[in-house]
Amino acid sequence: MGASARRLMVGAIPIWAGLIWAGLIWAGPIWADPGAPAAAGDRHVGYYYPEPTTREVYGARTDILPQADRRMRIGFVTGIANRLANQAYPPQAAMFAKGGEAEKLIIVALVDGRIDTIYRARAVLANLTAAARLLPAFQDMDAQTNLTFFDLAKMLGFEKITITNGRDFAYQVILE
């Protein structure tokens, strides 16, 4: 296991939580018009988010880390939740992992805001990319300008990311 993988696994969760949460707070909640039909078998549609308005497939440029497992993905999300609990203001969004192996990352806005298009939803994810590029694991791989938040999520073993306003808009990215 390389040094970047060890840092990714040990001691980096609180750093990630702060950086990624900063991107979420800056971007605010997401919303737009509903549209696309739900994917067959997506049992989270109608419970955690509406039918995704847009779905995209992202071909990740990284492999899943050998040590990436359910525990690591839940630890990543738990680190973010711990940061939120210590903020002086209420959280603007919730991030959690679902699925039998916690392989689905879901981001739900908790407050109505100004983001109302798919382009603004992508901007939130771009902010998460910018935050992820500051992580030592990305810097050690000399990948600060090449990899995205989607690549980081793939490294952790997430298969799908859904971002929603919690009302009538959901944008979903399938990680391959």
N, C-alpha and C. Protein backbone atom coordinates (compact mmCIF):
# COMPACT_ATOMS: atom_id res chain seq x y z
N MET A 1 0.86 -1.17 0.00
CA MET A 1 0.00 0.00 0.00
C MET A 1 0.90 1.23 0.00
N GLY A 2 0.67 2.16 -0.93
CA GLY A 2 1.47 3.37 -1.04
C GLY A 2 1.13 4.39 0.03
N ALA A 3 2.00 5.41 0.12
CA ALA A 3 1.80 6.46 1.13
C ALA A 3 0.49 7.20 0.92
N SER A 4 0.13 7.47 -0.35
CA SER A 4 -1.13 8.19 -0.59
C SER A 4 -2.32 7.35 -0.18
N ALA A 5 -2.27 6.05 -0.39
CA ALA A 5 -3.38 5.19 0.02
C ALA A 5 -3.49 5.14 1.53
N ARG A 6 -2.35 5.10 2.23
CA ARG A 6 -2.41 5.11 3.70
C ARG A 6 -3.01 6.42 4.20
N ARG A 7 -2.62 7.55 3.60
CA ARG A 7 -3.18 8.83 4.02
C ARG A 7 -4.66 8.90 3.72
N LEU A 8 -5.07 8.31 2.62
CA LEU A 8 -6.48 8.29 2.25
C LEU A 8 -7.28 7.53 3.30
N MET A 9 -6.67 6.49 3.87
CA MET A 9 -7.37 5.63 4.80
C MET A 9 -7.24 6.10 6.24
N VAL A 10 -6.11 6.66 6.61
CA VAL A 10 -5.87 7.00 8.01
C VAL A 10 -5.65 8.50 8.14
N GLY A 11 -6.48 9.15 8.92
CA GLY A 11 -6.26 10.54 9.27
C GLY A 11 -6.74 11.56 8.26
N ALA A 12 -7.17 11.15 7.09
CA ALA A 12 -7.58 12.12 6.08
C ALA A 12 -9.06 12.41 6.13
N ILE A 13 -9.85 11.58 6.77
CA ILE A 13 -11.29 11.76 6.76
C ILE A 13 -11.69 13.14 7.27
N PRO A 14 -11.19 13.63 8.41
CA PRO A 14 -11.61 14.97 8.85
C PRO A 14 -11.21 16.06 7.86
N ILE A 15 -10.06 15.92 7.21
CA ILE A 15 -9.65 16.92 6.22
C ILE A 15 -10.62 16.90 5.06
N TRP A 16 -10.94 15.72 4.56
CA TRP A 16 -11.88 15.60 3.45
C TRP A 16 -13.21 16.21 3.83
N ALA A 17 -13.65 15.90 5.03
CA ALA A 17 -14.96 16.38 5.45
C ALA A 17 -15.03 17.89 5.37
N GLY A 18 -14.04 18.56 5.89
CA GLY A 18 -14.04 20.01 5.87
C GLY A 18 -13.97 20.57 4.47
N LEU A 19 -13.09 20.03 3.65
CA LEU A 19 -12.93 20.54 2.29
C LEU A 19 -14.17 20.30 1.45
N ILE A 20 -14.70 19.11 1.53
CA ILE A 20 -15.88 18.79 0.72
C ILE A 20 -17.09 19.54 1.24
N TRP A 21 -17.25 19.62 2.54
CA TRP A 21 -18.38 20.35 3.08
C TRP A 21 -18.29 21.83 2.70
N ALA A 22 -17.09 22.38 2.67
CA ALA A 22 -16.93 23.77 2.25
C ALA A 22 -17.48 23.96 0.83
N GLY A 23 -17.22 23.01 -0.05
CA GLY A 23 -17.77 23.08 -1.40
C GLY A 23 -19.28 23.03 -1.40
N LEU A 24 -19.85 22.19 -0.54
CA LEU A 24 -21.31 22.09 -0.47
C LEU A 24 -21.93 23.36 0.08
N ILE A 25 -21.34 23.92 1.11
CA ILE A 25 -21.89 25.15 1.71
C ILE A 25 -21.81 26.29 0.71
N TRP A 26 -20.67 26.41 0.02
CA TRP A 26 -20.50 27.50 -0.92
C TRP A 26 -21.52 27.40 -2.04
N ALA A 27 -21.79 26.20 -2.49
CA ALA A 27 -22.68 26.02 -3.63
C ALA A 27 -24.14 26.09 -3.24
N GLY A 28 -24.49 25.65 -2.05
CA GLY A 28 -25.88 25.70 -1.61
C GLY A 28 -26.71 24.57 -2.18
N PRO A 29 -28.01 24.59 -1.95
CA PRO A 29 -28.88 23.52 -2.41
C PRO A 29 -29.14 23.57 -3.91
N ILE A 30 -29.64 22.47 -4.43
CA ILE A 30 -29.85 22.27 -5.87
C ILE A 30 -31.34 22.15 -6.16
N TRP A 31 -31.80 22.71 -7.30
CA TRP A 31 -33.16 22.41 -7.76
C TRP A 31 -33.36 22.86 -9.19
N ALA A 32 -34.23 22.15 -9.89
CA ALA A 32 -34.54 22.42 -11.30
C ALA A 32 -35.84 21.69 -11.65
N ASP A 33 -36.14 21.59 -12.94
CA ASP A 33 -37.36 20.93 -13.37
C ASP A 33 -37.16 19.42 -13.47
N PRO A 34 -38.16 18.63 -13.05
CA PRO A 34 -38.03 17.18 -13.19
C PRO A 34 -38.13 16.77 -14.65
N GLY A 35 -37.66 15.55 -14.97
CA GLY A 35 -37.73 15.14 -16.36
C GLY A 35 -37.54 13.67 -16.61
N ALA A 36 -36.33 13.16 -16.49
CA ALA A 36 -36.02 11.79 -16.92
C ALA A 36 -36.69 10.75 -16.04
N PRO A 37 -37.05 9.61 -16.62
CA PRO A 37 -37.65 8.54 -15.82
C PRO A 37 -36.62 7.87 -14.92
N ALA A 38 -37.08 7.24 -13.86
CA ALA A 38 -36.19 6.57 -12.92
C ALA A 38 -35.59 5.33 -13.55
N ALA A 39 -34.38 5.01 -13.09
CA ALA A 39 -33.74 3.79 -13.55
C ALA A 39 -34.45 2.60 -12.92
N ALA A 40 -34.59 1.54 -13.69
CA ALA A 40 -35.24 0.34 -13.16
C ALA A 40 -34.48 -0.15 -11.94
N GLY A 41 -35.19 -0.42 -10.88
CA GLY A 41 -34.58 -0.98 -9.70
C GLY A 41 -33.94 0.02 -8.75
N ASP A 42 -34.07 1.30 -8.97
CA ASP A 42 -33.50 2.29 -8.05
C ASP A 42 -34.49 2.50 -6.92
N ARG A 43 -34.33 1.75 -5.85
CA ARG A 43 -35.30 1.78 -4.75
C ARG A 43 -35.23 3.05 -3.92
N HIS A 44 -34.23 3.90 -4.18
CA HIS A 44 -34.13 5.15 -3.42
C HIS A 44 -34.94 6.28 -4.03
N VAL A 45 -35.36 6.10 -5.31
CA VAL A 45 -36.22 7.09 -5.95
C VAL A 45 -37.55 7.12 -5.21
N GLY A 46 -38.00 8.31 -4.88
CA GLY A 46 -39.26 8.46 -4.18
C GLY A 46 -39.12 8.41 -2.67
N TYR A 47 -37.95 8.02 -2.19
CA TYR A 47 -37.72 7.99 -0.74
C TYR A 47 -36.68 9.04 -0.35
N TYR A 48 -35.51 9.00 -0.98
CA TYR A 48 -34.46 9.97 -0.69
C TYR A 48 -34.41 11.10 -1.71
N TYR A 49 -34.88 10.84 -2.91
CA TYR A 49 -34.84 11.85 -3.97
C TYR A 49 -35.90 11.50 -5.02
N PRO A 50 -36.30 12.51 -5.80
CA PRO A 50 -37.25 12.25 -6.89
C PRO A 50 -36.52 11.56 -8.04
N GLU A 51 -37.30 11.17 -9.04
CA GLU A 51 -36.68 10.58 -10.23
C GLU A 51 -35.62 11.55 -10.76
N PRO A 52 -34.42 11.05 -11.05
CA PRO A 52 -33.39 11.96 -11.56
C PRO A 52 -33.82 12.66 -12.85
N THR A 53 -33.57 13.94 -12.89
CA THR A 53 -33.85 14.76 -14.06
C THR A 53 -32.85 14.45 -15.16
N THR A 54 -31.60 14.25 -14.76
CA THR A 54 -30.52 13.96 -15.69
C THR A 54 -29.65 12.85 -15.12
N ARG A 55 -29.26 11.93 -15.99
CA ARG A 55 -28.30 10.88 -15.61
C ARG A 55 -27.13 10.98 -16.58
N GLU A 56 -25.94 10.78 -16.03
CA GLU A 56 -24.74 10.74 -16.85
C GLU A 56 -23.88 9.58 -16.40
N VAL A 57 -23.05 9.10 -17.30
CA VAL A 57 -22.08 8.07 -16.97
C VAL A 57 -20.70 8.71 -17.01
N TYR A 58 -19.93 8.51 -15.95
CA TYR A 58 -18.58 9.04 -15.88
C TYR A 58 -17.59 7.88 -15.91
N GLY A 59 -16.71 7.88 -16.87
CA GLY A 59 -15.65 6.88 -16.96
C GLY A 59 -14.48 7.33 -16.11
N ALA A 60 -14.40 6.82 -14.90
CA ALA A 60 -13.36 7.24 -13.96
C ALA A 60 -11.98 6.89 -14.49
N ARG A 61 -11.02 7.75 -14.15
CA ARG A 61 -9.64 7.56 -14.57
C ARG A 61 -8.80 6.93 -13.47
N THR A 62 -9.48 6.36 -12.49
CA THR A 62 -8.80 5.71 -11.38
C THR A 62 -9.44 4.35 -11.13
N ASP A 63 -8.72 3.54 -10.41
CA ASP A 63 -9.25 2.26 -9.97
C ASP A 63 -9.72 2.40 -8.53
N ILE A 64 -10.53 1.46 -8.11
CA ILE A 64 -10.94 1.41 -6.71
C ILE A 64 -9.73 1.00 -5.89
N LEU A 65 -9.49 1.70 -4.78
CA LEU A 65 -8.40 1.33 -3.90
C LEU A 65 -8.60 -0.08 -3.36
N PRO A 66 -7.54 -0.85 -3.24
CA PRO A 66 -7.70 -2.22 -2.73
C PRO A 66 -8.36 -2.28 -1.35
N GLN A 67 -8.11 -1.30 -0.51
CA GLN A 67 -8.68 -1.30 0.85
C GLN A 67 -10.04 -0.61 0.93
N ALA A 68 -10.55 -0.10 -0.20
CA ALA A 68 -11.85 0.57 -0.19
C ALA A 68 -12.94 -0.45 0.10
N ASP A 69 -13.72 -0.16 1.11
CA ASP A 69 -14.81 -1.05 1.47
C ASP A 69 -15.94 -0.24 2.10
N ARG A 70 -16.98 -0.94 2.49
CA ARG A 70 -18.15 -0.30 3.08
C ARG A 70 -17.75 0.59 4.26
N ARG A 71 -16.88 0.08 5.10
CA ARG A 71 -16.45 0.82 6.29
C ARG A 71 -15.76 2.14 5.91
N MET A 72 -14.91 2.10 4.88
CA MET A 72 -14.22 3.32 4.46
C MET A 72 -15.21 4.35 3.91
N ARG A 73 -16.18 3.89 3.11
CA ARG A 73 -17.17 4.82 2.54
C ARG A 73 -18.03 5.43 3.64
N ILE A 74 -18.45 4.61 4.59
CA ILE A 74 -19.24 5.14 5.71
C ILE A 74 -18.40 6.07 6.56
N GLY A 75 -17.13 5.76 6.76
CA GLY A 75 -16.23 6.64 7.50
C GLY A 75 -16.07 7.99 6.83
N PHE A 76 -16.00 7.99 5.52
CA PHE A 76 -15.90 9.23 4.75
C PHE A 76 -17.12 10.10 5.01
N VAL A 77 -18.31 9.50 4.92
CA VAL A 77 -19.56 10.23 5.12
C VAL A 77 -19.71 10.63 6.60
N THR A 78 -19.31 9.77 7.51
CA THR A 78 -19.39 10.08 8.93
C THR A 78 -18.49 11.25 9.30
N GLY A 79 -17.33 11.33 8.68
CA GLY A 79 -16.43 12.46 8.91
C GLY A 79 -17.10 13.77 8.52
N ILE A 80 -17.82 13.77 7.44
CA ILE A 80 -18.54 14.97 7.02
C ILE A 80 -19.64 15.30 8.03
N ALA A 81 -20.39 14.29 8.45
CA ALA A 81 -21.46 14.51 9.44
C ALA A 81 -20.90 15.08 10.74
N ASN A 82 -19.74 14.59 11.16
CA ASN A 82 -19.13 15.12 12.39
C ASN A 82 -18.76 16.59 12.23
N ARG A 83 -18.25 16.96 11.09
CA ARG A 83 -17.94 18.38 10.83
C ARG A 83 -19.20 19.22 10.89
N LEU A 84 -20.28 18.72 10.31
CA LEU A 84 -21.54 19.46 10.29
C LEU A 84 -22.06 19.69 11.71
N ALA A 85 -21.89 18.70 12.54
CA ALA A 85 -22.39 18.81 13.91
C ALA A 85 -21.65 19.90 14.69
N ASN A 86 -20.47 20.27 14.26
CA ASN A 86 -19.67 21.27 14.97
C ASN A 86 -19.72 22.65 14.35
N GLN A 87 -20.57 22.85 13.36
CA GLN A 87 -20.69 24.17 12.72
C GLN A 87 -21.57 25.09 13.55
N ALA A 88 -21.36 26.38 13.40
CA ALA A 88 -22.14 27.37 14.14
C ALA A 88 -23.48 27.66 13.46
N TYR A 89 -23.75 27.03 12.35
CA TYR A 89 -24.99 27.27 11.60
C TYR A 89 -25.54 25.92 11.16
N PRO A 90 -26.83 25.88 10.85
CA PRO A 90 -27.41 24.59 10.42
C PRO A 90 -26.84 24.14 9.09
N PRO A 91 -26.74 22.84 8.90
CA PRO A 91 -26.21 22.32 7.63
C PRO A 91 -27.10 22.69 6.46
N GLN A 92 -26.47 22.96 5.32
CA GLN A 92 -27.19 23.29 4.09
C GLN A 92 -27.54 22.05 3.29
N ALA A 93 -26.83 20.95 3.53
CA ALA A 93 -27.07 19.71 2.81
C ALA A 93 -26.66 18.54 3.69
N ALA A 94 -27.21 17.40 3.37
CA ALA A 94 -26.83 16.15 4.03
C ALA A 94 -26.18 15.25 2.99
N MET A 95 -25.16 14.53 3.41
CA MET A 95 -24.49 13.58 2.53
C MET A 95 -24.50 12.24 3.24
N PHE A 96 -24.93 11.19 2.54
CA PHE A 96 -24.95 9.88 3.17
C PHE A 96 -24.74 8.80 2.12
N ALA A 97 -24.35 7.63 2.60
CA ALA A 97 -24.11 6.48 1.74
C ALA A 97 -25.22 5.47 1.94
N LYS A 98 -25.69 4.90 0.85
CA LYS A 98 -26.74 3.89 0.90
C LYS A 98 -26.34 2.71 0.03
N GLY A 99 -27.12 1.65 0.15
CA GLY A 99 -26.83 0.42 -0.58
C GLY A 99 -26.22 -0.60 0.35
N GLY A 100 -26.28 -1.86 -0.02
CA GLY A 100 -25.76 -2.94 0.81
C GLY A 100 -24.31 -2.77 1.18
N GLU A 101 -23.52 -2.18 0.28
CA GLU A 101 -22.11 -1.94 0.54
C GLU A 101 -21.81 -0.44 0.65
N ALA A 102 -22.85 0.37 0.90
CA ALA A 102 -22.70 1.83 1.01
C ALA A 102 -22.04 2.38 -0.26
N GLU A 103 -22.45 1.87 -1.41
CA GLU A 103 -21.83 2.23 -2.68
C GLU A 103 -22.52 3.38 -3.40
N LYS A 104 -23.59 3.90 -2.83
CA LYS A 104 -24.33 5.00 -3.44
C LYS A 104 -24.19 6.24 -2.56
N LEU A 105 -23.61 7.30 -3.12
CA LEU A 105 -23.44 8.55 -2.40
C LEU A 105 -24.60 9.47 -2.76
N ILE A 106 -25.31 9.94 -1.74
CA ILE A 106 -26.48 10.80 -1.95
C ILE A 106 -26.24 12.11 -1.23
N ILE A 107 -26.47 13.22 -1.93
CA ILE A 107 -26.34 14.56 -1.37
C ILE A 107 -27.70 15.23 -1.51
N VAL A 108 -28.29 15.62 -0.38
CA VAL A 108 -29.62 16.22 -0.36
C VAL A 108 -29.55 17.61 0.26
N ALA A 109 -30.00 18.61 -0.48
CA ALA A 109 -30.08 19.97 0.06
C ALA A 109 -31.14 20.00 1.14
N LEU A 110 -30.86 20.69 2.21
CA LEU A 110 -31.80 20.80 3.32
C LEU A 110 -32.51 22.14 3.36
N VAL A 111 -32.04 23.09 2.56
CA VAL A 111 -32.58 24.45 2.55
C VAL A 111 -32.78 24.86 1.10
N ASP A 112 -33.89 25.53 0.81
CA ASP A 112 -34.10 26.05 -0.54
C ASP A 112 -33.04 27.11 -0.83
N GLY A 113 -32.63 27.20 -2.08
CA GLY A 113 -31.58 28.15 -2.43
C GLY A 113 -31.67 28.63 -3.84
N ARG A 114 -30.52 29.02 -4.37
CA ARG A 114 -30.48 29.67 -5.67
C ARG A 114 -30.12 28.76 -6.82
N ILE A 115 -29.77 27.52 -6.58
CA ILE A 115 -29.35 26.64 -7.66
C ILE A 115 -30.57 26.00 -8.28
N ASP A 116 -30.78 26.29 -9.56
CA ASP A 116 -32.02 25.84 -10.19
C ASP A 116 -31.84 25.24 -11.58
N THR A 117 -30.60 24.91 -11.95
CA THR A 117 -30.36 24.31 -13.26
C THR A 117 -29.34 23.19 -13.13
N ILE A 118 -29.28 22.35 -14.15
CA ILE A 118 -28.29 21.28 -14.18
C ILE A 118 -26.88 21.86 -14.17
N TYR A 119 -26.70 23.02 -14.77
CA TYR A 119 -25.38 23.64 -14.83
C TYR A 119 -24.92 24.04 -13.44
N ARG A 120 -25.83 24.49 -12.62
CA ARG A 120 -25.48 24.85 -11.24
C ARG A 120 -25.24 23.59 -10.41
N ALA A 121 -25.96 22.52 -10.71
CA ALA A 121 -25.69 21.25 -10.02
C ALA A 121 -24.28 20.79 -10.35
N ARG A 122 -23.90 20.90 -11.60
CA ARG A 122 -22.53 20.53 -12.00
C ARG A 122 -21.51 21.43 -11.34
N ALA A 123 -21.87 22.68 -11.09
CA ALA A 123 -20.96 23.59 -10.40
C ALA A 123 -20.70 23.12 -8.97
N VAL A 124 -21.72 22.60 -8.30
CA VAL A 124 -21.54 22.06 -6.96
C VAL A 124 -20.51 20.94 -7.01
N LEU A 125 -20.67 20.06 -7.98
CA LEU A 125 -19.74 18.94 -8.11
C LEU A 125 -18.35 19.43 -8.50
N ALA A 126 -18.26 20.50 -9.27
CA ALA A 126 -16.96 21.08 -9.60
C ALA A 126 -16.29 21.63 -8.35
N ASN A 127 -17.08 22.22 -7.45
CA ASN A 127 -16.51 22.69 -6.18
C ASN A 127 -15.97 21.52 -5.36
N LEU A 128 -16.66 20.40 -5.41
CA LEU A 128 -16.18 19.22 -4.71
C LEU A 128 -14.87 18.74 -5.34
N THR A 129 -14.75 18.86 -6.64
CA THR A 129 -13.50 18.52 -7.31
C THR A 129 -12.38 19.42 -6.83
N ALA A 130 -12.63 20.72 -6.77
CA ALA A 130 -11.62 21.66 -6.32
C ALA A 130 -11.17 21.33 -4.90
N ALA A 131 -12.12 21.00 -4.05
CA ALA A 131 -11.78 20.64 -2.66
C ALA A 131 -10.97 19.35 -2.63
N ALA A 132 -11.36 18.37 -3.45
CA ALA A 132 -10.66 17.08 -3.45
C ALA A 132 -9.23 17.23 -3.94
N ARG A 133 -8.98 18.15 -4.84
CA ARG A 133 -7.62 18.35 -5.36
C ARG A 133 -6.65 18.85 -4.30
N LEU A 134 -7.17 19.39 -3.21
CA LEU A 134 -6.32 19.86 -2.12
C LEU A 134 -5.90 18.73 -1.19
N LEU A 135 -6.52 17.57 -1.33
CA LEU A 135 -6.22 16.45 -0.44
C LEU A 135 -4.83 15.90 -0.72
N PRO A 136 -4.11 15.51 0.33
CA PRO A 136 -2.77 14.95 0.13
C PRO A 136 -2.76 13.75 -0.81
N ALA A 137 -3.78 12.93 -0.78
CA ALA A 137 -3.80 11.75 -1.65
C ALA A 137 -3.74 12.15 -3.12
N PHE A 138 -4.44 13.21 -3.51
CA PHE A 138 -4.39 13.67 -4.88
C PHE A 138 -3.05 14.31 -5.18
N GLN A 139 -2.51 15.09 -4.26
CA GLN A 139 -1.24 15.76 -4.49
C GLN A 139 -0.10 14.76 -4.60
N ASP A 140 -0.13 13.71 -3.80
CA ASP A 140 0.90 12.69 -3.86
C ASP A 140 0.89 11.94 -5.18
N MET A 141 -0.27 11.83 -5.80
CA MET A 141 -0.37 11.13 -7.08
C MET A 141 -0.08 12.05 -8.24
N ASP A 142 0.28 13.30 -7.94
CA ASP A 142 0.53 14.30 -8.98
C ASP A 142 -0.65 14.36 -9.95
N ALA A 143 -1.84 14.36 -9.37
CA ALA A 143 -3.05 14.31 -10.19
C ALA A 143 -3.98 15.50 -9.92
N GLN A 144 -3.45 16.55 -9.33
CA GLN A 144 -4.30 17.67 -8.94
C GLN A 144 -5.09 18.25 -10.11
N THR A 145 -4.54 18.23 -11.29
CA THR A 145 -5.24 18.85 -12.42
C THR A 145 -5.97 17.85 -13.29
N ASN A 146 -5.77 16.56 -13.05
CA ASN A 146 -6.37 15.56 -13.92
C ASN A 146 -7.58 14.86 -13.34
N LEU A 147 -7.60 14.63 -12.03
CA LEU A 147 -8.67 13.87 -11.42
C LEU A 147 -9.77 14.77 -10.88
N THR A 148 -10.97 14.21 -10.77
CA THR A 148 -12.13 14.96 -10.31
C THR A 148 -12.68 14.33 -9.03
N PHE A 149 -13.70 14.96 -8.47
CA PHE A 149 -14.39 14.40 -7.32
C PHE A 149 -14.96 13.03 -7.68
N PHE A 150 -15.40 12.88 -8.91
CA PHE A 150 -15.91 11.59 -9.36
C PHE A 150 -14.83 10.52 -9.27
N ASP A 151 -13.59 10.89 -9.64
CA ASP A 151 -12.48 9.94 -9.55
C ASP A 151 -12.22 9.56 -8.09
N LEU A 152 -12.27 10.54 -7.19
CA LEU A 152 -12.10 10.25 -5.76
C LEU A 152 -13.19 9.31 -5.28
N ALA A 153 -14.42 9.59 -5.65
CA ALA A 153 -15.53 8.74 -5.25
C ALA A 153 -15.34 7.32 -5.78
N LYS A 154 -14.88 7.20 -7.00
CA LYS A 154 -14.61 5.87 -7.58
C LYS A 154 -13.50 5.17 -6.80
N MET A 155 -12.44 5.92 -6.42
CA MET A 155 -11.36 5.33 -5.63
C MET A 155 -11.88 4.75 -4.32
N LEU A 156 -12.87 5.40 -3.74
CA LEU A 156 -13.45 4.93 -2.49
C LEU A 156 -14.44 3.79 -2.70
N GLY A 157 -14.80 3.53 -3.95
CA GLY A 157 -15.71 2.43 -4.26
C GLY A 157 -17.15 2.83 -4.44
N PHE A 158 -17.44 4.13 -4.50
CA PHE A 158 -18.81 4.55 -4.80
C PHE A 158 -19.11 4.23 -6.26
N GLU A 159 -20.34 3.81 -6.52
CA GLU A 159 -20.76 3.47 -7.88
C GLU A 159 -21.68 4.52 -8.49
N LYS A 160 -22.34 5.29 -7.63
CA LYS A 160 -23.33 6.25 -8.10
C LYS A 160 -23.35 7.44 -7.14
N ILE A 161 -23.47 8.64 -7.70
CA ILE A 161 -23.64 9.86 -6.91
C ILE A 161 -24.94 10.50 -7.35
N THR A 162 -25.81 10.80 -6.39
CA THR A 162 -27.06 11.50 -6.69
C THR A 162 -27.08 12.76 -5.86
N ILE A 163 -27.34 13.88 -6.52
CA ILE A 163 -27.44 15.17 -5.83
C ILE A 163 -28.85 15.72 -6.11
N THR A 164 -29.53 16.15 -5.06
CA THR A 164 -30.93 16.55 -5.19
C THR A 164 -31.24 17.77 -4.32
N ASN A 165 -32.26 18.49 -4.72
CA ASN A 165 -32.73 19.60 -3.89
C ASN A 165 -33.68 19.11 -2.81
N GLY A 166 -34.02 17.83 -2.83
CA GLY A 166 -34.92 17.28 -1.83
C GLY A 166 -36.38 17.57 -2.12
N ARG A 167 -36.66 18.06 -3.31
CA ARG A 167 -38.03 18.38 -3.66
C ARG A 167 -38.42 17.83 -5.03
N ASP A 168 -37.84 18.39 -6.08
CA ASP A 168 -38.29 18.02 -7.42
C ASP A 168 -37.17 17.89 -8.44
N PHE A 169 -35.94 17.85 -7.99
CA PHE A 169 -34.81 17.75 -8.91
C PHE A 169 -33.79 16.77 -8.36
N ALA A 170 -33.27 15.92 -9.22
CA ALA A 170 -32.17 15.02 -8.87
C ALA A 170 -31.29 14.83 -10.10
N TYR A 171 -29.99 14.87 -9.89
CA TYR A 171 -28.98 14.68 -10.93
C TYR A 171 -28.15 13.49 -10.48
N GLN A 172 -27.99 12.52 -11.36
CA GLN A 172 -27.31 11.29 -10.98
C GLN A 172 -26.14 11.00 -11.91
N VAL A 173 -25.01 10.60 -11.31
CA VAL A 173 -23.82 10.25 -12.06
C VAL A 173 -23.46 8.81 -11.73
N ILE A 174 -23.38 7.99 -12.74
CA ILE A 174 -22.98 6.60 -12.61
C ILE A 174 -21.47 6.55 -12.84
N LEU A 175 -20.74 5.99 -11.89
CA LEU A 175 -19.28 5.92 -11.99
C LEU A 175 -18.87 4.57 -12.55
N GLU A 176 -18.18 4.61 -13.67
CA GLU A 176 -17.68 3.35 -14.27
C GLU A 176 -16.18 3.34 -14.27
